[in-house]
């Protein structure tokens, strides 16, 4: 009953608040005020004819209104269809509505354009009536009473897929999150990724259920929000934390000598002392996160070990987690159980197993997603392989204490001309242990004559760094059997990003685009 009771939880904690930006101004509303806004919006939607099971789309950048309308849809037990702006803003609205069975589409003010009558601007002061769209029998509708939301995932395929998310599965996650991380009433969690990303909405529901403050912003205002809002918890892709480490590496050599010595001292301290001491010695780095951060979570992509070591050495707890949109979080490190290099222990005990080829399989007792709405059954069966069984596509292993390690993607395994199989991500992580490596991508097979490493160096690197990276790769090769050794190294100063096309929307390397972009250098 966690989701059903969110409104009552808001009323029980009227002084907790949500912080958000309205233009450039930082605003706050108490949970009591939020509850009032949600109640008025429920009445607006009800009077317009929105009922249980109807599909209501939201197409908007992050805003306070996004949260209010989402909570109102939740209270009505309608289905929120969370449309990513970067994909759907330019799409024909009638086509989108037909594909996902929309009765109503709520659009952010900044996206306002010529629209049919069943498209409504998200405006909490509006008094206009709502017009619903007629949904034909051929369109998806009334997909089940446990259906919470339709969300979208591209994974590593690059093609957007619509997932049907479960209410009970979401509630099971929220319960487990609170069990493992022991939230406090003075906590504040920051959500900055698009709210169409379902994990961000879980964070908001969690804050309301457990009664702590929530902060909402957008990616472009993230660093302002960290210092303005001063959260105690944040979850982000590794790129955020790697950017902070990169700023440290840009300090002068003279400053680094002193600070590196201090980092070694902090790492040797008992865990209970690292935070207080680190907050004093490395104050500028703590202040960059607002100065109150209790812990941070990193997920969505592999994180560099040097980044984990850096955060530990300045007294900022950073825990890695692992999961998919299709499954939610499957494992995580946490305050009372953290093993660097792993992605932690199972969130739901005894639900993960390894296939004979090492692929991680998930058998949920309460599924988070029922499956895809718009994917060919044969393709969908590659993930939802059987009732109650989900294949992650990742290769992993457990240590003796139950910590999970991810070795890479099953589809990324390289088969050399001699038929030898190797996992590139393990080699990439070893290369990225060098501080001046921004990204490493190991490619092979096909028409490449040998295993090849493409290395993107940091902006401040020089020829000495390139030589040092070459020596490191030579040392790596000594530990490898001859068929899997790196035979060619290509260096580039180009930085990988979504804008450059070398990272996908989940901030993972797009190997196909990397191979195409550097085709001539790689020797294809």
Protein backbone atom coordinates (compact mmCIF):
# COMPACT_ATOMS: atom_id res chain seq x y z
CA UNK A 1 0.00 0.00 0.00
CA UNK A 2 3.03 2.31 -0.20
CA UNK A 3 1.93 4.11 -3.38
CA UNK A 4 -1.71 4.30 -2.34
CA UNK A 5 -0.71 5.98 0.93
CA UNK A 6 1.62 8.66 -0.46
CA UNK A 7 -0.98 11.40 0.02
CA UNK A 8 -1.52 10.44 3.66
CA UNK A 9 2.25 10.39 4.16
CA UNK A 10 2.45 13.96 2.82
CA UNK A 11 -0.22 15.01 5.34
CA UNK A 12 1.59 13.29 8.21
CA UNK A 13 4.78 15.28 7.56
CA UNK A 14 3.51 18.72 6.56
CA UNK A 15 6.79 20.49 7.38
CA UNK A 16 9.04 18.41 5.16
CA UNK A 17 9.55 20.12 1.83
CA UNK A 18 10.36 19.87 -1.85
CA UNK A 19 12.91 22.32 -3.29
CA UNK A 20 12.91 23.14 -7.00
CA UNK A 21 13.74 25.90 -9.46
CA UNK A 22 11.21 28.19 -11.07
CA UNK A 23 13.28 29.89 -13.73
CA UNK A 24 16.47 30.86 -11.89
CA UNK A 25 14.72 31.23 -8.52
CA UNK A 26 14.97 28.51 -5.89
CA UNK A 27 11.52 27.68 -4.50
CA UNK A 28 10.24 25.52 -1.66
CA UNK A 29 6.89 23.99 -0.94
CA UNK A 30 6.05 22.01 2.17
CA UNK A 31 4.66 18.51 1.90
CA UNK A 32 1.39 19.96 3.16
CA UNK A 33 1.31 22.45 0.26
CA UNK A 34 2.28 19.69 -2.16
CA UNK A 35 -0.62 17.55 -0.86
CA UNK A 36 -3.04 20.45 -1.42
CA UNK A 37 -1.80 20.93 -5.01
CA UNK A 38 -2.13 17.20 -5.70
CA UNK A 39 -5.66 17.13 -4.27
CA UNK A 40 -6.76 20.04 -6.51
CA UNK A 41 -5.20 18.33 -9.53
CA UNK A 42 -6.97 15.05 -8.72
CA UNK A 43 -10.25 16.98 -8.72
CA UNK A 44 -9.35 18.64 -12.04
CA UNK A 45 -8.57 15.29 -13.68
CA UNK A 46 -11.60 13.57 -12.15
CA UNK A 47 -13.95 16.29 -13.33
CA UNK A 48 -12.52 15.87 -16.80
CA UNK A 49 -13.36 12.16 -16.74
CA UNK A 50 -9.98 10.55 -15.94
CA UNK A 51 -10.56 7.23 -14.21
CA UNK A 52 -8.65 4.14 -13.13
CA UNK A 53 -6.71 2.42 -15.90
CA UNK A 54 -6.74 5.34 -18.35
CA UNK A 55 -3.42 6.20 -20.00
CA UNK A 56 -2.28 9.77 -19.26
CA UNK A 57 0.91 10.92 -20.96
CA UNK A 58 3.37 13.46 -19.55
CA UNK A 59 5.74 15.22 -21.94
CA UNK A 60 7.77 17.79 -20.06
CA UNK A 61 11.14 18.74 -18.67
CA UNK A 62 11.53 18.33 -14.89
CA UNK A 63 9.30 20.67 -12.92
CA UNK A 64 7.23 20.87 -9.77
CA UNK A 65 4.14 20.44 -11.97
CA UNK A 66 5.53 17.13 -13.33
CA UNK A 67 5.55 15.72 -9.80
CA UNK A 68 2.12 17.08 -8.89
CA UNK A 69 0.43 15.62 -11.97
CA UNK A 70 2.26 12.31 -11.58
CA UNK A 71 1.08 11.97 -7.97
CA UNK A 72 -2.47 12.87 -9.03
CA UNK A 73 -2.42 10.21 -11.75
CA UNK A 74 -1.11 7.77 -9.14
CA UNK A 75 -3.98 8.56 -6.74
CA UNK A 76 -6.53 7.97 -9.48
CA UNK A 77 -4.87 4.65 -10.33
CA UNK A 78 -4.55 5.82 -13.91
CA UNK A 79 -1.43 4.88 -15.89
CA UNK A 80 1.31 7.50 -16.31
CA UNK A 81 2.94 7.28 -19.75
CA UNK A 82 6.28 9.02 -19.13
CA UNK A 83 7.47 10.32 -22.50
CA UNK A 84 11.17 11.32 -22.80
CA UNK A 85 11.31 14.86 -24.19
CA UNK A 86 14.45 14.23 -26.24
CA UNK A 87 12.66 11.52 -28.21
CA UNK A 88 9.00 12.57 -28.37
CA UNK A 89 9.00 16.40 -28.44
CA UNK A 90 9.11 16.48 -32.24
CA UNK A 91 6.90 13.41 -32.81
CA UNK A 92 3.38 13.70 -34.29
CA UNK A 93 1.13 13.76 -31.23
CA UNK A 94 -1.70 11.73 -32.75
CA UNK A 95 0.76 8.99 -33.69
CA UNK A 96 2.18 8.91 -30.15
CA UNK A 97 -1.30 8.87 -28.63
CA UNK A 98 -2.43 6.00 -30.82
CA UNK A 99 0.68 3.93 -30.19
CA UNK A 100 0.34 4.12 -26.40
CA UNK A 101 -3.43 4.46 -26.03
CA UNK A 102 -3.43 7.96 -24.53
CA UNK A 103 -6.69 9.40 -23.24
CA UNK A 104 -4.95 12.64 -22.27
CA UNK A 105 -1.54 14.20 -22.83
CA UNK A 106 -0.09 16.69 -20.33
CA UNK A 107 2.59 18.95 -21.80
CA UNK A 108 5.06 21.28 -20.11
CA UNK A 109 4.63 25.02 -20.72
CA UNK A 110 7.96 25.30 -22.53
CA UNK A 111 6.80 22.71 -25.07
CA UNK A 112 3.51 24.43 -25.81
CA UNK A 113 2.56 24.38 -29.51
CA UNK A 114 -0.48 23.95 -31.72
CA UNK A 115 -2.25 21.03 -30.15
CA UNK A 116 -5.42 18.94 -30.33
CA UNK A 117 -8.06 19.41 -27.58
CA UNK A 118 -6.94 16.31 -25.65
CA UNK A 119 -3.52 17.89 -25.01
CA UNK A 120 -3.46 19.94 -21.80
CA UNK A 121 -0.73 22.30 -20.59
CA UNK A 122 0.52 21.46 -17.09
CA UNK A 123 -0.64 24.58 -15.27
CA UNK A 124 -1.71 24.32 -11.63
CA UNK A 125 -3.62 27.61 -11.85
CA UNK A 126 -5.64 26.55 -14.91
CA UNK A 127 -9.41 26.37 -14.53
CA UNK A 128 -10.21 25.15 -18.03
CA UNK A 129 -11.93 21.84 -18.47
CA UNK A 130 -10.21 18.73 -19.80
CA UNK A 131 -11.16 17.01 -23.02
CA UNK A 132 -10.36 13.30 -23.27
CA UNK A 133 -9.34 11.52 -26.44
CA UNK A 134 -11.38 8.58 -27.71
CA UNK A 135 -9.26 5.43 -27.68
CA UNK A 136 -10.00 2.79 -30.29
CA UNK A 137 -10.18 -0.93 -29.57
CA UNK A 138 -6.93 -1.49 -31.49
CA UNK A 139 -4.97 0.76 -29.11
CA UNK A 140 -3.48 -0.54 -25.83
CA UNK A 141 -5.70 0.17 -22.83
CA UNK A 142 -6.70 -1.34 -19.47
CA UNK A 143 -3.57 -3.52 -19.39
CA UNK A 144 -4.12 -4.68 -15.80
CA UNK A 145 -4.89 -3.27 -12.32
CA UNK A 146 -1.26 -3.59 -11.18
CA UNK A 147 0.07 -1.49 -14.08
CA UNK A 148 1.71 1.64 -12.66
CA UNK A 149 3.34 3.30 -15.63
CA UNK A 150 4.60 2.96 -19.17
CA UNK A 151 8.26 3.95 -19.35
CA UNK A 152 10.94 3.83 -21.99
CA UNK A 153 14.36 2.20 -22.11
CA UNK A 154 16.92 2.09 -24.87
CA UNK A 155 19.47 0.02 -22.94
CA UNK A 156 22.52 -0.48 -25.13
CA UNK A 157 20.50 -1.13 -28.30
CA UNK A 158 19.77 2.53 -29.03
CA UNK A 159 16.14 1.71 -29.92
CA UNK A 160 13.53 3.01 -27.51
CA UNK A 161 11.39 0.25 -25.98
CA UNK A 162 8.21 0.74 -23.94
CA UNK A 163 8.06 -1.16 -20.64
CA UNK A 164 5.02 -1.96 -18.52
CA UNK A 165 5.93 -1.25 -14.87
CA UNK A 166 4.29 -2.85 -11.84
CA UNK A 167 2.87 -1.07 -8.78
CA UNK A 168 3.72 -3.99 -6.49
CA UNK A 169 7.23 -4.24 -7.89
CA UNK A 170 7.81 -0.52 -7.30
CA UNK A 171 6.55 -0.84 -3.72
CA UNK A 172 8.88 -3.78 -3.11
CA UNK A 173 11.82 -1.67 -4.28
CA UNK A 174 10.91 1.30 -2.05
CA UNK A 175 10.63 -1.02 0.98
CA UNK A 176 14.02 -2.58 0.24
CA UNK A 177 15.69 0.78 -0.38
CA UNK A 178 14.66 2.01 3.06
CA UNK A 179 15.67 -1.27 4.71
CA UNK A 180 19.23 -1.18 3.34
CA UNK A 181 20.01 2.54 3.59
CA UNK A 182 18.28 3.60 6.85
CA UNK A 183 16.97 7.03 5.87
CA UNK A 184 16.69 9.85 8.41
CA UNK A 185 14.18 12.67 8.75
CA UNK A 186 16.92 15.24 8.04
CA UNK A 187 17.89 13.56 4.76
CA UNK A 188 17.35 15.19 1.39
CA UNK A 189 17.61 13.34 -1.92
CA UNK A 190 18.35 15.10 -5.22
CA UNK A 191 16.66 14.01 -8.46
CA UNK A 192 18.10 15.66 -11.55
CA UNK A 193 17.76 13.19 -14.42
CA UNK A 194 14.53 13.46 -16.45
CA UNK A 195 11.49 12.30 -14.47
CA UNK A 196 10.58 10.19 -17.49
CA UNK A 197 13.46 8.04 -16.22
CA UNK A 198 11.58 5.78 -13.84
CA UNK A 199 14.44 5.51 -11.32
CA UNK A 200 14.15 9.24 -10.61
CA UNK A 201 10.47 8.90 -9.73
CA UNK A 202 11.29 6.02 -7.37
CA UNK A 203 13.56 8.47 -5.51
CA UNK A 204 10.69 10.94 -5.12
CA UNK A 205 8.22 8.29 -3.94
CA UNK A 206 10.84 7.03 -1.48
CA UNK A 207 11.35 10.49 0.03
CA UNK A 208 7.60 10.94 0.53
CA UNK A 209 7.11 7.45 1.99
CA UNK A 210 9.96 7.70 4.50
CA UNK A 211 9.39 11.38 5.25
CA UNK A 212 12.49 13.29 4.21
CA UNK A 213 13.05 16.28 1.94
CA UNK A 214 13.28 15.97 -1.80
CA UNK A 215 15.07 18.22 -4.26
CA UNK A 216 14.29 18.47 -7.95
CA UNK A 217 16.31 20.03 -10.75
CA UNK A 218 17.52 19.39 -14.31
CA UNK A 219 20.91 18.14 -15.58
CA UNK A 220 21.94 21.61 -16.79
CA UNK A 221 21.46 23.08 -13.29
CA UNK A 222 22.98 20.15 -11.41
CA UNK A 223 26.09 21.82 -10.01
CA UNK A 224 24.10 24.92 -8.97
CA UNK A 225 21.53 22.66 -7.31
CA UNK A 226 24.17 20.76 -5.34
CA UNK A 227 25.40 23.94 -3.66
CA UNK A 228 21.98 25.63 -3.42
CA UNK A 229 19.99 22.65 -2.12
CA UNK A 230 22.70 20.78 -0.16
CA UNK A 231 21.39 17.20 -0.47
CA UNK A 232 22.47 14.34 1.77
CA UNK A 233 21.99 11.69 -0.96
CA UNK A 234 22.41 11.60 -4.71
CA UNK A 235 22.38 8.93 -7.40
CA UNK A 236 24.07 9.48 -10.74
CA UNK A 237 25.95 7.87 -13.59
CA UNK A 238 29.73 7.51 -13.12
CA UNK A 239 30.37 10.50 -15.40
CA UNK A 240 29.44 12.95 -12.62
CA UNK A 241 31.91 11.47 -10.15
CA UNK A 242 34.60 11.02 -12.79
CA UNK A 243 34.26 14.72 -13.63
CA UNK A 244 34.97 15.62 -10.00
CA UNK A 245 38.03 13.34 -9.98
CA UNK A 246 39.20 14.99 -13.22
CA UNK A 247 39.03 18.41 -11.56
CA UNK A 248 41.29 17.13 -8.81
CA UNK A 249 43.77 15.88 -11.41
CA UNK A 250 43.85 19.36 -12.95
CA UNK A 251 45.33 20.85 -9.76
CA UNK A 252 48.97 21.87 -9.90
CA UNK A 253 51.60 19.23 -9.18
CA UNK A 254 52.67 21.18 -6.07
CA UNK A 255 49.17 21.08 -4.58
CA UNK A 256 48.72 17.46 -5.53
CA UNK A 257 51.84 16.32 -3.62
CA UNK A 258 50.38 17.61 -0.35
CA UNK A 259 46.82 16.48 -1.02
CA UNK A 260 47.86 13.01 -2.21
CA UNK A 261 49.66 12.51 1.10
CA UNK A 262 46.51 13.61 2.96
CA UNK A 263 44.40 11.20 0.88
CA UNK A 264 46.62 8.29 1.91
CA UNK A 265 46.12 9.22 5.55
CA UNK A 266 42.32 9.49 5.20
CA UNK A 267 42.06 6.08 3.49
CA UNK A 268 43.84 4.45 6.44
CA UNK A 269 41.37 5.90 8.96
CA UNK A 270 38.43 3.86 10.30
CA UNK A 271 35.36 4.41 8.13
CA UNK A 272 33.57 6.37 10.88
CA UNK A 273 36.36 8.98 10.86
CA UNK A 274 36.90 9.34 7.10
CA UNK A 275 33.86 11.56 6.60
CA UNK A 276 34.52 14.09 9.41
CA UNK A 277 38.27 14.33 8.64
CA UNK A 278 37.74 14.42 4.88
CA UNK A 279 35.15 17.18 5.25
CA UNK A 280 37.82 19.36 6.88
CA UNK A 281 40.86 18.49 4.76
CA UNK A 282 39.01 18.34 1.42
CA UNK A 283 36.41 21.00 2.13
CA UNK A 284 36.24 22.40 -1.45
CA UNK A 285 35.29 18.97 -2.83
CA UNK A 286 32.68 18.40 -0.13
CA UNK A 287 31.32 21.90 -0.70
CA UNK A 288 30.94 21.14 -4.42
CA UNK A 289 28.27 18.62 -3.34
CA UNK A 290 26.72 21.04 -0.85
CA UNK A 291 28.73 20.03 2.21
CA UNK A 292 26.10 17.64 3.68
CA UNK A 293 26.38 14.56 1.46
CA UNK A 294 26.04 11.34 3.49
CA UNK A 295 26.45 9.00 0.55
CA UNK A 296 26.26 8.83 -3.23
CA UNK A 297 25.23 6.00 -5.55
CA UNK A 298 26.78 5.29 -8.94
CA UNK A 299 25.03 3.15 -11.52
CA UNK A 300 23.98 2.87 -15.20
CA UNK A 301 27.54 2.18 -16.40
CA UNK A 302 30.87 0.80 -15.09
CA UNK A 303 32.81 3.22 -12.90
CA UNK A 304 36.58 3.59 -12.78
CA UNK A 305 38.30 2.11 -9.75
CA UNK A 306 40.43 5.27 -9.48
CA UNK A 307 37.21 7.27 -9.01
CA UNK A 308 36.03 5.00 -6.20
CA UNK A 309 39.44 5.26 -4.53
CA UNK A 310 39.42 9.05 -4.92
CA UNK A 311 36.04 9.44 -3.20
CA UNK A 312 37.03 7.08 -0.41
CA UNK A 313 40.24 9.04 0.14
CA UNK A 314 38.45 12.38 0.55
CA UNK A 315 35.84 10.95 2.91
CA UNK A 316 32.83 10.98 0.56
CA UNK A 317 31.11 7.55 0.61
CA UNK A 318 30.37 6.43 -2.96
CA UNK A 319 28.58 3.12 -3.45
CA UNK A 320 28.16 1.29 -6.74
CA UNK A 321 24.87 -0.28 -7.76
CA UNK A 322 23.76 -2.45 -10.66
CA UNK A 323 20.49 -2.92 -12.46
CA UNK A 324 18.41 -2.41 -15.60
CA UNK A 325 15.23 -0.49 -16.29
CA UNK A 326 13.62 -3.88 -16.88
CA UNK A 327 14.60 -5.16 -13.43
CA UNK A 328 15.28 -2.17 -11.21
CA UNK A 329 18.34 -2.39 -8.96
CA UNK A 330 19.60 -5.95 -8.64
CA UNK A 331 22.59 -5.38 -6.37
CA UNK A 332 24.22 -2.55 -4.50
CA UNK A 333 26.96 -1.71 -2.08
CA UNK A 334 25.74 0.03 1.06
CA UNK A 335 27.03 1.59 4.28
CA UNK A 336 27.22 -1.69 6.19
CA UNK A 337 28.49 -3.75 3.26
CA UNK A 338 30.79 -2.26 0.64
CA UNK A 339 33.42 -4.02 -1.46
CA UNK A 340 35.27 -1.84 -3.93
CA UNK A 341 35.28 -3.21 -7.47
CA UNK A 342 32.05 -5.13 -6.96
CA UNK A 343 28.48 -3.93 -7.53
CA UNK A 344 27.47 -5.17 -4.11
CA UNK A 345 25.18 -7.89 -2.82
CA UNK A 346 21.76 -8.86 -4.13
CA UNK A 347 19.00 -6.38 -3.32
CA UNK A 348 16.50 -9.25 -3.18
CA UNK A 349 18.28 -12.31 -1.69
CA UNK A 350 18.42 -15.48 -3.77
CA UNK A 351 16.96 -13.95 -6.93
CA UNK A 352 20.13 -13.86 -9.06
CA UNK A 353 21.82 -16.81 -10.70
CA UNK A 354 24.46 -17.36 -13.35
CA UNK A 355 23.82 -19.17 -16.62
CA UNK A 356 26.50 -21.65 -17.81
CA UNK A 357 28.05 -18.89 -19.95
CA UNK A 358 28.16 -16.50 -16.97
CA UNK A 359 25.13 -14.38 -17.93
CA UNK A 360 23.30 -12.93 -14.92
CA UNK A 361 19.70 -14.15 -14.68
CA UNK A 362 17.02 -12.63 -12.44
CA UNK A 363 14.08 -14.54 -10.93
CA UNK A 364 12.00 -11.85 -9.17
CA UNK A 365 9.41 -12.80 -6.61
CA UNK A 366 7.63 -9.52 -7.42
CA UNK A 367 8.45 -8.39 -10.97
CA UNK A 368 9.10 -4.70 -11.51
CA UNK A 369 8.25 -4.91 -15.22
CA UNK A 370 5.81 -7.23 -16.97
CA UNK A 371 7.48 -6.90 -20.34
CA UNK A 372 7.55 -4.70 -23.40
CA UNK A 373 4.48 -3.14 -24.95
CA UNK A 374 5.82 -2.45 -28.44
CA UNK A 375 8.56 -5.01 -29.08
CA UNK A 376 8.38 -8.03 -31.35
CA UNK A 377 7.84 -11.18 -29.19
CA UNK A 378 10.95 -12.86 -30.56
CA UNK A 379 13.11 -9.87 -29.62
CA UNK A 380 11.39 -9.46 -26.25
CA UNK A 381 12.11 -13.13 -25.43
CA UNK A 382 15.84 -12.34 -25.43
CA UNK A 383 15.25 -10.43 -22.18
CA UNK A 384 12.00 -11.83 -20.77
CA UNK A 385 13.11 -15.35 -21.61
CA UNK A 386 10.39 -17.19 -19.65
CA UNK A 387 7.68 -16.40 -17.10
CA UNK A 388 9.51 -15.18 -14.01
CA UNK A 389 12.95 -15.19 -15.62
CA UNK A 390 14.81 -12.15 -17.00
CA UNK A 391 18.16 -12.30 -18.80
CA UNK A 392 20.29 -9.23 -18.16
CA UNK A 393 22.74 -9.64 -21.04
CA UNK A 394 25.61 -9.03 -18.59
CA UNK A 395 28.37 -11.46 -17.71
CA UNK A 396 29.11 -11.64 -14.00
CA UNK A 397 30.53 -13.64 -11.11
CA UNK A 398 30.10 -13.84 -7.34
CA UNK A 399 32.88 -13.95 -4.78
CA UNK A 400 32.80 -16.22 -1.73
CA UNK A 401 30.97 -13.56 0.32
CA UNK A 402 28.20 -13.02 -2.22
CA UNK A 403 29.45 -9.78 -3.80
CA UNK A 404 28.66 -9.51 -7.51
CA UNK A 405 31.21 -8.44 -10.12
CA UNK A 406 30.29 -7.41 -13.67
CA UNK A 407 32.76 -8.52 -16.33
CA UNK A 408 30.95 -6.96 -19.30
CA UNK A 409 28.16 -7.31 -21.81
CA UNK A 410 27.52 -10.70 -23.37
CA UNK A 411 27.11 -9.17 -26.83
CA UNK A 412 30.42 -7.28 -26.54
CA UNK A 413 32.59 -10.39 -26.23
CA UNK A 414 35.38 -10.26 -28.83
CA UNK A 415 36.20 -13.31 -30.91
CA UNK A 416 39.71 -12.97 -32.32
CA UNK A 417 40.69 -14.29 -35.78
CA UNK A 418 42.07 -17.35 -34.02
CA UNK A 419 38.72 -18.03 -32.31
CA UNK A 420 39.79 -16.85 -28.82
CA UNK A 421 37.04 -15.14 -26.78
CA UNK A 422 37.75 -12.20 -24.48
CA UNK A 423 35.70 -9.65 -22.55
CA UNK A 424 36.83 -6.09 -23.47
CA UNK A 425 35.46 -4.26 -20.42
CA UNK A 426 37.96 -5.91 -18.08
CA UNK A 427 40.85 -4.67 -20.22
CA UNK A 428 39.27 -1.23 -20.49
CA UNK A 429 39.03 -0.85 -16.73
CA UNK A 430 42.68 -1.79 -16.34
CA UNK A 431 43.74 0.80 -18.91
CA UNK A 432 41.55 3.43 -17.25
CA UNK A 433 43.43 2.91 -13.99
CA UNK A 434 45.90 5.41 -15.42
CA UNK A 435 44.87 8.87 -14.23
CA UNK A 436 45.37 10.49 -17.64
CA UNK A 437 43.04 8.10 -19.48
CA UNK A 438 39.59 9.61 -20.00
CA UNK A 439 38.10 6.57 -21.80
CA UNK A 440 39.40 3.30 -23.18
CA UNK A 441 37.57 1.16 -25.73
CA UNK A 442 38.94 -2.25 -26.68
CA UNK A 443 37.83 -3.56 -30.08
CA UNK A 444 38.58 -6.72 -32.01
CA UNK A 445 37.25 -9.39 -34.28
CA UNK A 446 35.64 -8.78 -37.65
CA UNK A 447 38.12 -7.26 -40.04
CA UNK A 448 40.48 -5.98 -37.34
CA UNK A 449 43.77 -7.89 -37.60
CA UNK A 450 44.38 -7.76 -33.83
CA UNK A 451 42.89 -6.62 -30.54
CA UNK A 452 43.04 -2.82 -30.60
CA UNK A 453 42.69 -0.26 -27.81
CA UNK A 454 41.37 3.23 -28.55
CA UNK A 455 42.44 5.54 -25.72
CA UNK A 456 40.93 8.99 -25.16
CA UNK A 457 43.37 10.99 -23.05
CA UNK A 458 42.45 13.77 -20.65
CA UNK A 459 42.71 17.32 -21.89
CA UNK A 460 45.72 18.13 -19.70
CA UNK A 461 47.76 15.08 -20.78
CA UNK A 462 51.05 15.37 -22.69
CA UNK A 463 53.55 13.14 -24.52
CA UNK A 464 54.96 11.80 -21.24
CA UNK A 465 51.50 10.64 -20.25
CA UNK A 466 51.03 8.89 -23.59
CA UNK A 467 54.32 7.03 -23.10
CA UNK A 468 53.29 6.08 -19.56
CA UNK A 469 49.94 4.74 -20.81
CA UNK A 470 51.77 2.65 -23.44
CA UNK A 471 53.98 1.19 -20.70
CA UNK A 472 50.90 0.39 -18.62
CA UNK A 473 49.34 -1.46 -21.55
CA UNK A 474 52.58 -3.40 -22.01
CA UNK A 475 52.36 -4.47 -18.37
CA UNK A 476 48.72 -5.48 -18.86
CA UNK A 477 49.72 -7.57 -21.88
CA UNK A 478 52.27 -9.50 -19.82
CA UNK A 479 49.41 -10.83 -17.68
CA UNK A 480 47.36 -11.98 -20.70
CA UNK A 481 47.53 -15.08 -22.88
CA UNK A 482 48.97 -14.22 -26.34
CA UNK A 483 45.62 -14.43 -28.24
CA UNK A 484 44.02 -11.72 -26.08
CA UNK A 485 46.93 -9.26 -25.94
CA UNK A 486 46.41 -5.74 -27.21
CA UNK A 487 48.32 -5.53 -30.49
CA UNK A 488 47.61 -1.91 -31.40
CA UNK A 489 46.97 1.28 -29.43
CA UNK A 490 45.32 4.36 -30.96
CA UNK A 491 45.25 7.64 -29.04
CA UNK A 492 42.74 10.47 -29.44
CA UNK A 493 42.19 13.78 -27.67
CA UNK A 494 38.46 13.69 -28.48
CA UNK A 495 36.33 13.49 -25.35
CA UNK A 496 33.44 11.04 -25.33
CA UNK A 497 30.00 12.55 -24.74
CA UNK A 498 26.36 12.21 -25.75
CA UNK A 499 26.78 15.30 -27.95
CA UNK A 500 29.68 13.69 -29.82
CA UNK A 501 27.58 10.57 -30.36
CA UNK A 502 30.16 8.32 -28.68
CA UNK A 503 28.05 7.82 -25.54
CA UNK A 504 24.42 6.67 -25.63
CA UNK A 505 21.63 8.29 -23.60
CA UNK A 506 22.57 6.03 -20.64
CA UNK A 507 26.16 7.39 -20.75
CA UNK A 508 27.59 4.08 -21.94
CA UNK A 509 30.08 3.84 -24.78
CA UNK A 510 28.45 3.21 -28.15
CA UNK A 511 31.00 0.74 -29.55
CA UNK A 512 29.56 0.72 -33.05
CA UNK A 513 29.81 4.50 -33.34
CA UNK A 514 33.33 4.50 -31.89
CA UNK A 515 34.41 1.89 -34.45
CA UNK A 516 32.82 3.90 -37.28
CA UNK A 517 34.23 7.26 -36.13
CA UNK A 518 37.82 5.99 -35.86
CA UNK A 519 37.67 3.52 -38.73
CA UNK A 520 40.78 4.81 -40.53
CA UNK A 521 42.89 5.03 -37.35
CA UNK A 522 41.89 1.52 -36.28
CA UNK A 523 43.02 0.11 -39.61
CA UNK A 524 39.74 -1.39 -40.77
